[in-house]
Amino acid sequence: MYAQVVGEDRAPVNLPAPGKSVDLGTPQDARSPRFTASLFPSVAIGEDGRVVVA
């Protein structure tokens, strides 16, 4: 999953890359069932301006 904060990031950032382990899923669906949030992420902005993607 990639995210880009417009006006801050020059390019999209690969969020789950460092230390991520994956489950290969099934031949019919190769998306990782272990990280279902990467399929439908939630994005929130805190009062201090921090961006949270879960």
N, C-alpha and C. Protein backbone atom coordinates (compact mmCIF):
# COMPACT_ATOMS: atom_id res chain seq x y z
N MET A 1 0.85 -1.15 0.00
CA MET A 1 0.00 0.00 0.00
C MET A 1 0.90 1.23 0.00
N TYR A 2 0.58 2.16 -0.85
CA TYR A 2 1.34 3.40 -0.97
C TYR A 2 0.46 4.56 -0.53
N ALA A 3 1.09 5.57 0.07
CA ALA A 3 0.38 6.80 0.43
C ALA A 3 1.28 7.98 0.12
N GLN A 4 0.66 9.09 -0.23
CA GLN A 4 1.42 10.30 -0.52
C GLN A 4 0.70 11.48 0.12
N VAL A 5 1.40 12.19 0.99
CA VAL A 5 0.85 13.41 1.58
C VAL A 5 1.16 14.53 0.59
N VAL A 6 0.12 15.04 -0.04
CA VAL A 6 0.28 16.06 -1.06
C VAL A 6 0.88 17.31 -0.42
N GLY A 7 1.91 17.84 -1.05
CA GLY A 7 2.58 19.02 -0.54
C GLY A 7 3.74 18.69 0.40
N GLU A 8 3.88 17.41 0.79
CA GLU A 8 5.00 17.00 1.66
C GLU A 8 5.86 15.93 1.01
N ASP A 9 5.23 14.87 0.53
CA ASP A 9 5.97 13.76 -0.06
C ASP A 9 6.17 14.01 -1.55
N ARG A 10 7.40 13.78 -2.03
CA ARG A 10 7.68 13.94 -3.46
C ARG A 10 7.08 12.82 -4.27
N ALA A 11 6.95 11.64 -3.67
CA ALA A 11 6.42 10.47 -4.36
C ALA A 11 5.68 9.61 -3.33
N PRO A 12 4.82 8.70 -3.79
CA PRO A 12 4.15 7.81 -2.85
C PRO A 12 5.15 6.98 -2.05
N VAL A 13 4.82 6.72 -0.79
CA VAL A 13 5.69 5.97 0.11
C VAL A 13 5.08 4.59 0.33
N ASN A 14 5.90 3.55 0.24
CA ASN A 14 5.45 2.18 0.48
C ASN A 14 5.35 1.99 1.99
N LEU A 15 4.15 2.03 2.53
CA LEU A 15 3.97 2.01 3.98
C LEU A 15 4.33 0.70 4.66
N PRO A 16 3.86 -0.45 4.20
CA PRO A 16 4.10 -1.68 4.94
C PRO A 16 5.41 -2.39 4.62
N ALA A 17 6.27 -1.82 3.81
CA ALA A 17 7.46 -2.54 3.34
C ALA A 17 8.41 -2.98 4.45
N PRO A 18 8.84 -2.11 5.39
CA PRO A 18 9.85 -2.54 6.36
C PRO A 18 9.34 -3.65 7.29
N GLY A 19 9.94 -4.81 7.21
CA GLY A 19 9.63 -5.91 8.13
C GLY A 19 8.31 -6.60 7.89
N LYS A 20 7.66 -6.34 6.78
CA LYS A 20 6.35 -6.95 6.54
C LYS A 20 6.53 -8.41 6.16
N SER A 21 5.72 -9.26 6.78
CA SER A 21 5.66 -10.66 6.37
C SER A 21 4.30 -10.88 5.75
N VAL A 22 4.24 -11.71 4.74
CA VAL A 22 2.99 -11.91 4.02
C VAL A 22 2.61 -13.37 3.96
N ASP A 23 1.34 -13.61 3.72
CA ASP A 23 0.80 -14.93 3.47
C ASP A 23 0.44 -14.93 2.00
N LEU A 24 0.88 -15.89 1.24
CA LEU A 24 0.67 -15.87 -0.20
C LEU A 24 -0.79 -16.02 -0.61
N GLY A 25 -1.67 -16.34 0.31
CA GLY A 25 -3.08 -16.46 -0.03
C GLY A 25 -3.35 -17.75 -0.78
N THR A 26 -4.26 -17.69 -1.73
CA THR A 26 -4.63 -18.87 -2.50
C THR A 26 -4.39 -18.58 -3.98
N PRO A 27 -4.39 -19.60 -4.82
CA PRO A 27 -4.21 -19.34 -6.26
C PRO A 27 -5.32 -18.45 -6.84
N GLN A 28 -6.50 -18.46 -6.22
CA GLN A 28 -7.60 -17.64 -6.71
C GLN A 28 -7.52 -16.19 -6.24
N ASP A 29 -6.80 -15.94 -5.13
CA ASP A 29 -6.71 -14.59 -4.57
C ASP A 29 -5.34 -14.40 -3.94
N ALA A 30 -4.44 -13.69 -4.62
CA ALA A 30 -3.06 -13.55 -4.18
C ALA A 30 -2.85 -12.44 -3.16
N ARG A 31 -3.91 -11.68 -2.82
CA ARG A 31 -3.75 -10.63 -1.81
C ARG A 31 -3.49 -11.28 -0.46
N SER A 32 -2.71 -10.65 0.38
CA SER A 32 -2.34 -11.22 1.67
C SER A 32 -3.52 -11.17 2.64
N PRO A 33 -4.04 -12.32 3.07
CA PRO A 33 -5.13 -12.33 4.03
C PRO A 33 -4.70 -11.87 5.42
N ARG A 34 -3.41 -11.83 5.66
CA ARG A 34 -2.91 -11.39 6.97
C ARG A 34 -3.02 -9.88 7.13
N PHE A 35 -3.00 -9.14 6.04
CA PHE A 35 -3.03 -7.68 6.09
C PHE A 35 -4.22 -7.16 5.29
N THR A 36 -5.42 -7.47 5.76
CA THR A 36 -6.61 -7.07 5.02
C THR A 36 -6.81 -5.56 5.00
N ALA A 37 -6.21 -4.83 5.93
CA ALA A 37 -6.33 -3.36 5.93
C ALA A 37 -5.70 -2.76 4.68
N SER A 38 -4.74 -3.47 4.07
CA SER A 38 -4.14 -2.93 2.86
C SER A 38 -5.11 -2.98 1.68
N LEU A 39 -6.19 -3.74 1.81
CA LEU A 39 -7.20 -3.78 0.77
C LEU A 39 -8.18 -2.62 0.89
N PHE A 40 -8.53 -2.25 2.12
CA PHE A 40 -9.47 -1.18 2.39
C PHE A 40 -8.92 -0.32 3.53
N PRO A 41 -7.90 0.49 3.26
CA PRO A 41 -7.26 1.25 4.35
C PRO A 41 -8.15 2.36 4.88
N SER A 42 -7.93 2.68 6.15
CA SER A 42 -8.58 3.83 6.78
C SER A 42 -7.52 4.90 6.97
N VAL A 43 -7.88 6.13 6.65
CA VAL A 43 -6.95 7.24 6.77
C VAL A 43 -7.55 8.26 7.72
N ALA A 44 -6.73 8.74 8.66
CA ALA A 44 -7.19 9.75 9.62
C ALA A 44 -6.11 10.80 9.77
N ILE A 45 -6.54 12.04 10.08
CA ILE A 45 -5.62 13.14 10.31
C ILE A 45 -5.84 13.61 11.75
N GLY A 46 -4.77 13.60 12.53
CA GLY A 46 -4.87 14.06 13.92
C GLY A 46 -4.90 15.57 14.02
N GLU A 47 -5.25 16.06 15.21
CA GLU A 47 -5.30 17.51 15.43
C GLU A 47 -3.94 18.18 15.22
N ASP A 48 -2.87 17.37 15.44
CA ASP A 48 -1.52 17.91 15.26
C ASP A 48 -1.04 17.81 13.81
N GLY A 49 -1.91 17.30 12.92
CA GLY A 49 -1.56 17.21 11.51
C GLY A 49 -0.94 15.91 11.08
N ARG A 50 -0.73 14.97 12.03
CA ARG A 50 -0.15 13.68 11.66
C ARG A 50 -1.15 12.86 10.88
N VAL A 51 -0.66 12.13 9.88
CA VAL A 51 -1.49 11.25 9.06
C VAL A 51 -1.32 9.84 9.56
N VAL A 52 -2.44 9.13 9.76
CA VAL A 52 -2.42 7.75 10.20
C VAL A 52 -3.16 6.92 9.17
N VAL A 53 -2.51 5.84 8.71
CA VAL A 53 -3.13 4.91 7.78
C VAL A 53 -3.15 3.56 8.46
N ALA A 54 -4.34 2.97 8.57
CA ALA A 54 -4.47 1.66 9.23
C ALA A 54 -5.32 0.74 8.39
